[in-house]
Amino acid sequence: MKTFEELFAELEDKINKNDPNSGTVKEYDKGIHFIGKKIVEEASEVWMASEYESDNETAEEISQLIYHLQVMMIKKGLNLKDIYKYL
């Protein structure tokens, strides 16, 4: 299990290492439009899981949404403090 902060650090590290076999790097390299589509897809899956699936399945979908949101944050050059100031 990892925290929001640990995941962000892990994703930044993967992107900085630029491993061509990393799914994170591949998504990052595809750009904002691709990442945005993944966010929309995952958000709809969170909604559907919340309506029709178990709490565990909903939690899994939420974790996937958080992952893609963090990839977008990194792509946009945002850090955790940039987001936290609005919470």
PDB file of N, CA and C in Angstrom:
ATOM      1  N   MET A   1       0.847  -1.168   0.000  1.00  0.00           N
ATOM      2  CA  MET A   1       0.000   0.000   0.000  1.00  0.00           C
ATOM      3  C   MET A   1       0.895   1.234   0.000  1.00  0.00           C
ATOM      4  N   LYS A   2       0.481   2.267  -0.736  1.00  0.00           N
ATOM      5  CA  LYS A   2       1.240   3.513  -0.762  1.00  0.00           C
ATOM      6  C   LYS A   2       0.303   4.700  -0.603  1.00  0.00           C
ATOM      7  N   THR A   3       0.867   5.798  -0.174  1.00  0.00           N
ATOM      8  CA  THR A   3       0.089   7.018   0.002  1.00  0.00           C
ATOM      9  C   THR A   3       0.046   7.803  -1.307  1.00  0.00           C
ATOM     10  N   PHE A   4      -0.776   8.822  -1.322  1.00  0.00           N
ATOM     11  CA  PHE A   4      -0.869   9.731  -2.463  1.00  0.00           C
ATOM     12  C   PHE A   4       0.509  10.305  -2.763  1.00  0.00           C
ATOM     13  N   GLU A   5       1.211  10.723  -1.719  1.00  0.00           N
ATOM     14  CA  GLU A   5       2.534  11.321  -1.874  1.00  0.00           C
ATOM     15  C   GLU A   5       3.549  10.311  -2.399  1.00  0.00           C
ATOM     16  N   GLU A   6       3.485   9.087  -1.889  1.00  0.00           N
ATOM     17  CA  GLU A   6       4.420   8.053  -2.340  1.00  0.00           C
ATOM     18  C   GLU A   6       4.185   7.697  -3.803  1.00  0.00           C
ATOM     19  N   LEU A   7       2.934   7.616  -4.204  1.00  0.00           N
ATOM     20  CA  LEU A   7       2.621   7.335  -5.596  1.00  0.00           C
ATOM     21  C   LEU A   7       3.157   8.437  -6.496  1.00  0.00           C
ATOM     22  N   PHE A   8       2.950   9.678  -6.102  1.00  0.00           N
ATOM     23  CA  PHE A   8       3.422  10.804  -6.907  1.00  0.00           C
ATOM     24  C   PHE A   8       4.937  10.741  -7.075  1.00  0.00           C
ATOM     25  N   ALA A   9       5.649  10.476  -5.994  1.00  0.00           N
ATOM     26  CA  ALA A   9       7.115  10.371  -6.057  1.00  0.00           C
ATOM     27  C   ALA A   9       7.543   9.220  -6.958  1.00  0.00           C
ATOM     28  N   GLU A  10       6.845   8.101  -6.864  1.00  0.00           N
ATOM     29  CA  GLU A  10       7.160   6.940  -7.704  1.00  0.00           C
ATOM     30  C   GLU A  10       6.952   7.257  -9.181  1.00  0.00           C
ATOM     31  N   LEU A  11       5.850   7.930  -9.499  1.00  0.00           N
ATOM     32  CA  LEU A  11       5.566   8.279 -10.890  1.00  0.00           C
ATOM     33  C   LEU A  11       6.572   9.283 -11.426  1.00  0.00           C
ATOM     34  N   GLU A  12       6.911  10.277 -10.620  1.00  0.00           N
ATOM     35  CA  GLU A  12       7.939  11.241 -11.036  1.00  0.00           C
ATOM     36  C   GLU A  12       9.257  10.536 -11.332  1.00  0.00           C
ATOM     37  N   ASP A  13       9.628   9.609 -10.463  1.00  0.00           N
ATOM     38  CA  ASP A  13      10.875   8.870 -10.636  1.00  0.00           C
ATOM     39  C   ASP A  13      10.846   8.065 -11.931  1.00  0.00           C
ATOM     40  N   LYS A  14       9.756   7.363 -12.197  1.00  0.00           N
ATOM     41  CA  LYS A  14       9.636   6.579 -13.424  1.00  0.00           C
ATOM     42  C   LYS A  14       9.766   7.466 -14.661  1.00  0.00           C
ATOM     43  N   ILE A  15       9.088   8.606 -14.622  1.00  0.00           N
ATOM     44  CA  ILE A  15       9.117   9.521 -15.765  1.00  0.00           C
ATOM     45  C   ILE A  15      10.516  10.119 -15.934  1.00  0.00           C
ATOM     46  N   ASN A  16      11.159  10.466 -14.839  1.00  0.00           N
ATOM     47  CA  ASN A  16      12.515  11.022 -14.916  1.00  0.00           C
ATOM     48  C   ASN A  16      13.518  10.007 -15.447  1.00  0.00           C
ATOM     49  N   LYS A  17      13.321   8.733 -15.147  1.00  0.00           N
ATOM     50  CA  LYS A  17      14.212   7.673 -15.641  1.00  0.00           C
ATOM     51  C   LYS A  17      13.937   7.345 -17.108  1.00  0.00           C
ATOM     52  N   ASN A  18      12.756   7.710 -17.594  1.00  0.00           N
ATOM     53  CA  ASN A  18      12.369   7.570 -18.996  1.00  0.00           C
ATOM     54  C   ASN A  18      12.538   6.143 -19.524  1.00  0.00           C
ATOM     55  N   ASP A  19      12.123   5.179 -18.734  1.00  0.00           N
ATOM     56  CA  ASP A  19      12.186   3.773 -19.139  1.00  0.00           C
ATOM     57  C   ASP A  19      11.153   3.529 -20.247  1.00  0.00           C
ATOM     58  N   PRO A  20      11.596   3.167 -21.450  1.00  0.00           N
ATOM     59  CA  PRO A  20      10.642   2.993 -22.561  1.00  0.00           C
ATOM     60  C   PRO A  20       9.675   1.828 -22.361  1.00  0.00           C
ATOM     61  N   ASN A  21       9.943   0.956 -21.415  1.00  0.00           N
ATOM     62  CA  ASN A  21       9.046  -0.169 -21.143  1.00  0.00           C
ATOM     63  C   ASN A  21       7.999   0.154 -20.074  1.00  0.00           C
ATOM     64  N   SER A  22       8.101   1.317 -19.455  1.00  0.00           N
ATOM     65  CA  SER A  22       7.178   1.714 -18.391  1.00  0.00           C
ATOM     66  C   SER A  22       5.859   2.203 -18.978  1.00  0.00           C
ATOM     67  N   GLY A  23       4.757   1.640 -18.491  1.00  0.00           N
ATOM     68  CA  GLY A  23       3.439   2.104 -18.911  1.00  0.00           C
ATOM     69  C   GLY A  23       3.210   3.564 -18.545  1.00  0.00           C
ATOM     70  N   THR A  24       3.764   3.972 -17.425  1.00  0.00           N
ATOM     71  CA  THR A  24       3.644   5.374 -16.998  1.00  0.00           C
ATOM     72  C   THR A  24       4.346   6.289 -17.981  1.00  0.00           C
ATOM     73  N   VAL A  25       5.549   5.926 -18.382  1.00  0.00           N
ATOM     74  CA  VAL A  25       6.309   6.740 -19.337  1.00  0.00           C
ATOM     75  C   VAL A  25       5.592   6.776 -20.682  1.00  0.00           C
ATOM     76  N   LYS A  26       5.063   5.654 -21.112  1.00  0.00           N
ATOM     77  CA  LYS A  26       4.338   5.606 -22.383  1.00  0.00           C
ATOM     78  C   LYS A  26       3.135   6.545 -22.347  1.00  0.00           C
ATOM     79  N   GLU A  27       2.377   6.510 -21.242  1.00  0.00           N
ATOM     80  CA  GLU A  27       1.217   7.397 -21.126  1.00  0.00           C
ATOM     81  C   GLU A  27       1.663   8.850 -21.111  1.00  0.00           C
ATOM     82  N   TYR A  28       2.664   9.161 -20.328  1.00  0.00           N
ATOM     83  CA  TYR A  28       3.197  10.519 -20.229  1.00  0.00           C
ATOM     84  C   TYR A  28       3.612  11.043 -21.607  1.00  0.00           C
ATOM     85  N   ASP A  29       4.306  10.200 -22.364  1.00  0.00           N
ATOM     86  CA  ASP A  29       4.803  10.602 -23.677  1.00  0.00           C
ATOM     87  C   ASP A  29       3.686  10.804 -24.703  1.00  0.00           C
ATOM     88  N   LYS A  30       2.535  10.198 -24.484  1.00  0.00           N
ATOM     89  CA  LYS A  30       1.413  10.358 -25.414  1.00  0.00           C
ATOM     90  C   LYS A  30       0.748  11.729 -25.265  1.00  0.00           C
ATOM     91  N   GLY A  31       0.990  12.409 -24.155  1.00  0.00           N
ATOM     92  CA  GLY A  31       0.553  13.788 -24.031  1.00  0.00           C
ATOM     93  C   GLY A  31      -0.751  14.028 -23.302  1.00  0.00           C
ATOM     94  N   ILE A  32      -1.052  15.300 -23.194  1.00  0.00           N
ATOM     95  CA  ILE A  32      -2.190  15.778 -22.413  1.00  0.00           C
ATOM     96  C   ILE A  32      -3.518  15.237 -22.937  1.00  0.00           C
ATOM     97  N   HIS A  33      -3.686  15.225 -24.243  1.00  0.00           N
ATOM     98  CA  HIS A  33      -4.964  14.759 -24.809  1.00  0.00           C
ATOM     99  C   HIS A  33      -5.218  13.297 -24.430  1.00  0.00           C
ATOM    100  N   PHE A  34      -4.208  12.451 -24.591  1.00  0.00           N
ATOM    101  CA  PHE A  34      -4.345  11.037 -24.255  1.00  0.00           C
ATOM    102  C   PHE A  34      -4.611  10.853 -22.766  1.00  0.00           C
ATOM    103  N   ILE A  35      -3.829  11.539 -21.940  1.00  0.00           N
ATOM    104  CA  ILE A  35      -4.001  11.424 -20.488  1.00  0.00           C
ATOM    105  C   ILE A  35      -5.391  11.916 -20.086  1.00  0.00           C
ATOM    106  N   GLY A  36      -5.828  13.005 -20.690  1.00  0.00           N
ATOM    107  CA  GLY A  36      -7.165  13.530 -20.402  1.00  0.00           C
ATOM    108  C   GLY A  36      -8.260  12.537 -20.720  1.00  0.00           C
ATOM    109  N   LYS A  37      -8.124  11.830 -21.830  1.00  0.00           N
ATOM    110  CA  LYS A  37      -9.107  10.801 -22.190  1.00  0.00           C
ATOM    111  C   LYS A  37      -9.112   9.674 -21.159  1.00  0.00           C
ATOM    112  N   LYS A  38      -7.935   9.311 -20.654  1.00  0.00           N
ATOM    113  CA  LYS A  38      -7.859   8.278 -19.616  1.00  0.00           C
ATOM    114  C   LYS A  38      -8.561   8.757 -18.338  1.00  0.00           C
ATOM    115  N   ILE A  39      -8.390  10.021 -17.998  1.00  0.00           N
ATOM    116  CA  ILE A  39      -9.037  10.576 -16.803  1.00  0.00           C
ATOM    117  C   ILE A  39     -10.558  10.514 -16.950  1.00  0.00           C
ATOM    118  N   VAL A  40     -11.064  10.924 -18.098  1.00  0.00           N
ATOM    119  CA  VAL A  40     -12.509  10.890 -18.338  1.00  0.00           C
ATOM    120  C   VAL A  40     -13.019   9.449 -18.269  1.00  0.00           C
ATOM    121  N   GLU A  41     -12.290   8.540 -18.890  1.00  0.00           N
ATOM    122  CA  GLU A  41     -12.678   7.125 -18.860  1.00  0.00           C
ATOM    123  C   GLU A  41     -12.737   6.602 -17.433  1.00  0.00           C
ATOM    124  N   GLU A  42     -11.690   6.875 -16.673  1.00  0.00           N
ATOM    125  CA  GLU A  42     -11.645   6.377 -15.288  1.00  0.00           C
ATOM    126  C   GLU A  42     -12.712   7.036 -14.422  1.00  0.00           C
ATOM    127  N   ALA A  43     -12.966   8.323 -14.639  1.00  0.00           N
ATOM    128  CA  ALA A  43     -14.014   8.999 -13.862  1.00  0.00           C
ATOM    129  C   ALA A  43     -15.363   8.345 -14.105  1.00  0.00           C
ATOM    130  N   SER A  44     -15.656   7.975 -15.353  1.00  0.00           N
ATOM    131  CA  SER A  44     -16.936   7.318 -15.630  1.00  0.00           C
ATOM    132  C   SER A  44     -16.973   5.923 -15.000  1.00  0.00           C
ATOM    133  N   GLU A  45     -15.820   5.245 -14.958  1.00  0.00           N
ATOM    134  CA  GLU A  45     -15.774   3.930 -14.325  1.00  0.00           C
ATOM    135  C   GLU A  45     -15.960   4.035 -12.812  1.00  0.00           C
ATOM    136  N   VAL A  46     -15.481   5.122 -12.211  1.00  0.00           N
ATOM    137  CA  VAL A  46     -15.721   5.355 -10.781  1.00  0.00           C
ATOM    138  C   VAL A  46     -17.218   5.515 -10.548  1.00  0.00           C
ATOM    139  N   TRP A  47     -17.858   6.299 -11.376  1.00  0.00           N
ATOM    140  CA  TRP A  47     -19.296   6.530 -11.254  1.00  0.00           C
ATOM    141  C   TRP A  47     -20.064   5.217 -11.398  1.00  0.00           C
ATOM    142  N   MET A  48     -19.759   4.447 -12.433  1.00  0.00           N
ATOM    143  CA  MET A  48     -20.477   3.193 -12.670  1.00  0.00           C
ATOM    144  C   MET A  48     -20.215   2.185 -11.547  1.00  0.00           C
ATOM    145  N   ALA A  49     -18.987   2.101 -11.087  1.00  0.00           N
ATOM    146  CA  ALA A  49     -18.683   1.188  -9.984  1.00  0.00           C
ATOM    147  C   ALA A  49     -19.433   1.616  -8.725  1.00  0.00           C
ATOM    148  N   SER A  50     -19.516   2.908  -8.505  1.00  0.00           N
ATOM    149  CA  SER A  50     -20.232   3.412  -7.324  1.00  0.00           C
ATOM    150  C   SER A  50     -21.712   3.064  -7.389  1.00  0.00           C
ATOM    151  N   GLU A  51     -22.268   3.079  -8.583  1.00  0.00           N
ATOM    152  CA  GLU A  51     -23.685   2.768  -8.772  1.00  0.00           C
ATOM    153  C   GLU A  51     -23.978   1.270  -8.709  1.00  0.00           C
ATOM    154  N   TYR A  52     -23.096   0.453  -9.302  1.00  0.00           N
ATOM    155  CA  TYR A  52     -23.470  -0.929  -9.572  1.00  0.00           C
ATOM    156  C   TYR A  52     -22.521  -2.002  -9.054  1.00  0.00           C
ATOM    157  N   GLU A  53     -21.402  -1.615  -8.483  1.00  0.00           N
ATOM    158  CA  GLU A  53     -20.421  -2.608  -8.058  1.00  0.00           C
ATOM    159  C   GLU A  53     -20.117  -2.471  -6.568  1.00  0.00           C
ATOM    160  N   SER A  54     -19.237  -3.318  -6.106  1.00  0.00           N
ATOM    161  CA  SER A  54     -18.900  -3.344  -4.677  1.00  0.00           C
ATOM    162  C   SER A  54     -18.017  -2.161  -4.283  1.00  0.00           C
ATOM    163  N   ASP A  55     -17.894  -1.968  -2.992  1.00  0.00           N
ATOM    164  CA  ASP A  55     -17.010  -0.922  -2.480  1.00  0.00           C
ATOM    165  C   ASP A  55     -15.563  -1.187  -2.884  1.00  0.00           C
ATOM    166  N   ASN A  56     -15.148  -2.450  -2.884  1.00  0.00           N
ATOM    167  CA  ASN A  56     -13.779  -2.777  -3.294  1.00  0.00           C
ATOM    168  C   ASN A  56     -13.536  -2.419  -4.756  1.00  0.00           C
ATOM    169  N   GLU A  57     -14.493  -2.725  -5.617  1.00  0.00           N
ATOM    170  CA  GLU A  57     -14.352  -2.390  -7.031  1.00  0.00           C
ATOM    171  C   GLU A  57     -14.352  -0.873  -7.231  1.00  0.00           C
ATOM    172  N   THR A  58     -15.165  -0.180  -6.455  1.00  0.00           N
ATOM    173  CA  THR A  58     -15.185   1.277  -6.522  1.00  0.00           C
ATOM    174  C   THR A  58     -13.843   1.849  -6.077  1.00  0.00           C
ATOM    175  N   ALA A  59     -13.301   1.317  -5.003  1.00  0.00           N
ATOM    176  CA  ALA A  59     -12.000   1.784  -4.514  1.00  0.00           C
ATOM    177  C   ALA A  59     -10.916   1.561  -5.561  1.00  0.00           C
ATOM    178  N   GLU A  60     -10.967   0.414  -6.231  1.00  0.00           N
ATOM    179  CA  GLU A  60      -9.971   0.134  -7.282  1.00  0.00           C
ATOM    180  C   GLU A  60     -10.086   1.149  -8.416  1.00  0.00           C
ATOM    181  N   GLU A  61     -11.304   1.459  -8.832  1.00  0.00           N
ATOM    182  CA  GLU A  61     -11.495   2.451  -9.894  1.00  0.00           C
ATOM    183  C   GLU A  61     -11.016   3.835  -9.457  1.00  0.00           C
ATOM    184  N   ILE A  62     -11.269   4.186  -8.208  1.00  0.00           N
ATOM    185  CA  ILE A  62     -10.800   5.480  -7.693  1.00  0.00           C
ATOM    186  C   ILE A  62      -9.277   5.526  -7.703  1.00  0.00           C
ATOM    187  N   SER A  63      -8.633   4.417  -7.336  1.00  0.00           N
ATOM    188  CA  SER A  63      -7.168   4.393  -7.339  1.00  0.00           C
ATOM    189  C   SER A  63      -6.631   4.583  -8.760  1.00  0.00           C
ATOM    190  N   GLN A  64      -7.298   4.019  -9.752  1.00  0.00           N
ATOM    191  CA  GLN A  64      -6.865   4.192 -11.137  1.00  0.00           C
ATOM    192  C   GLN A  64      -7.049   5.631 -11.603  1.00  0.00           C
ATOM    193  N   LEU A  65      -8.134   6.258 -11.161  1.00  0.00           N
ATOM    194  CA  LEU A  65      -8.353   7.669 -11.484  1.00  0.00           C
ATOM    195  C   LEU A  65      -7.258   8.531 -10.876  1.00  0.00           C
ATOM    196  N   ILE A  66      -6.915   8.277  -9.625  1.00  0.00           N
ATOM    197  CA  ILE A  66      -5.852   9.029  -8.960  1.00  0.00           C
ATOM    198  C   ILE A  66      -4.533   8.872  -9.715  1.00  0.00           C
ATOM    199  N   TYR A  67      -4.239   7.654 -10.155  1.00  0.00           N
ATOM    200  CA  TYR A  67      -3.016   7.407 -10.924  1.00  0.00           C
ATOM    201  C   TYR A  67      -2.966   8.313 -12.154  1.00  0.00           C
ATOM    202  N   HIS A  68      -4.020   8.316 -12.951  1.00  0.00           N
ATOM    203  CA  HIS A  68      -4.022   9.108 -14.181  1.00  0.00           C
ATOM    204  C   HIS A  68      -4.014  10.604 -13.890  1.00  0.00           C
ATOM    205  N   LEU A  69      -4.665  11.017 -12.821  1.00  0.00           N
ATOM    206  CA  LEU A  69      -4.616  12.426 -12.426  1.00  0.00           C
ATOM    207  C   LEU A  69      -3.183  12.835 -12.078  1.00  0.00           C
ATOM    208  N   GLN A  70      -2.469  11.951 -11.408  1.00  0.00           N
ATOM    209  CA  GLN A  70      -1.095  12.279 -11.046  1.00  0.00           C
ATOM    210  C   GLN A  70      -0.178  12.319 -12.273  1.00  0.00           C
ATOM    211  N   VAL A  71      -0.409  11.441 -13.229  1.00  0.00           N
ATOM    212  CA  VAL A  71       0.371  11.515 -14.468  1.00  0.00           C
ATOM    213  C   VAL A  71       0.116  12.865 -15.143  1.00  0.00           C
ATOM    214  N   MET A  72      -1.134  13.323 -15.149  1.00  0.00           N
ATOM    215  CA  MET A  72      -1.465  14.633 -15.724  1.00  0.00           C
ATOM    216  C   MET A  72      -0.786  15.756 -14.952  1.00  0.00           C
ATOM    217  N   MET A  73      -0.792  15.653 -13.637  1.00  0.00           N
ATOM    218  CA  MET A  73      -0.122  16.675 -12.826  1.00  0.00           C
ATOM    219  C   MET A  73       1.339  16.801 -13.245  1.00  0.00           C
ATOM    220  N   ILE A  74       2.012  15.676 -13.375  1.00  0.00           N
ATOM    221  CA  ILE A  74       3.428  15.682 -13.738  1.00  0.00           C
ATOM    222  C   ILE A  74       3.606  16.235 -15.149  1.00  0.00           C
ATOM    223  N   LYS A  75       2.756  15.824 -16.064  1.00  0.00           N
ATOM    224  CA  LYS A  75       2.838  16.322 -17.441  1.00  0.00           C
ATOM    225  C   LYS A  75       2.696  17.833 -17.478  1.00  0.00           C
ATOM    226  N   LYS A  76       1.835  18.378 -16.634  1.00  0.00           N
ATOM    227  CA  LYS A  76       1.600  19.822 -16.586  1.00  0.00           C
ATOM    228  C   LYS A  76       2.642  20.565 -15.733  1.00  0.00           C
ATOM    229  N   GLY A  77       3.549  19.832 -15.095  1.00  0.00           N
ATOM    230  CA  GLY A  77       4.563  20.470 -14.263  1.00  0.00           C
ATOM    231  C   GLY A  77       4.042  20.915 -12.906  1.00  0.00           C
ATOM    232  N   LEU A  78       2.942  20.303 -12.472  1.00  0.00           N
ATOM    233  CA  LEU A  78       2.362  20.636 -11.173  1.00  0.00           C
ATOM    234  C   LEU A  78       2.927  19.704 -10.110  1.00  0.00           C
ATOM    235  N   ASN A  79       3.053  20.223  -8.902  1.00  0.00           N
ATOM    236  CA  ASN A  79       3.482  19.382  -7.790  1.00  0.00           C
ATOM    237  C   ASN A  79       2.351  19.295  -6.773  1.00  0.00           C
ATOM    238  N   LEU A  80       2.586  18.546  -5.714  1.00  0.00           N
ATOM    239  CA  LEU A  80       1.527  18.342  -4.717  1.00  0.00           C
ATOM    240  C   LEU A  80       1.097  19.643  -4.054  1.00  0.00           C
ATOM    241  N   LYS A  81       2.033  20.535  -3.782  1.00  0.00           N
ATOM    242  CA  LYS A  81       1.666  21.823  -3.156  1.00  0.00           C
ATOM    243  C   LYS A  81       0.738  22.641  -4.050  1.00  0.00           C
ATOM    244  N   ASP A  82       0.934  22.535  -5.363  1.00  0.00           N
ATOM    245  CA  ASP A  82       0.046  23.257  -6.291  1.00  0.00           C
ATOM    246  C   ASP A  82      -1.401  22.798  -6.131  1.00  0.00           C
ATOM    247  N   ILE A  83      -1.595  21.554  -5.842  1.00  0.00           N
ATOM    248  CA  ILE A  83      -2.942  20.996  -5.681  1.00  0.00           C
ATOM    249  C   ILE A  83      -3.464  21.213  -4.263  1.00  0.00           C
ATOM    250  N   TYR A  84      -2.599  20.970  -3.289  1.00  0.00           N
ATOM    251  CA  TYR A  84      -3.026  21.073  -1.890  1.00  0.00           C
ATOM    252  C   TYR A  84      -3.529  22.458  -1.536  1.00  0.00           C
ATOM    253  N   LYS A  85      -3.017  23.495  -2.170  1.00  0.00           N
ATOM    254  CA  LYS A  85      -3.460  24.851  -1.807  1.00  0.00           C
ATOM    255  C   LYS A  85      -4.928  25.095  -2.132  1.00  0.00           C
ATOM    256  N   TYR A  86      -5.511  24.217  -2.950  1.00  0.00           N
ATOM    257  CA  TYR A  86      -6.930  24.359  -3.284  1.00  0.00           C
ATOM    258  C   TYR A  86      -7.837  23.427  -2.493  1.00  0.00           C
ATOM    259  N   LEU A  87      -7.259  22.574  -1.673  1.00  0.00           N
ATOM    260  CA  LEU A  87      -8.079  21.645  -0.891  1.00  0.00           C
ATOM    261  C   LEU A  87      -8.647  22.326   0.341  1.00  0.00           C
TER     262      LEU A  87
END
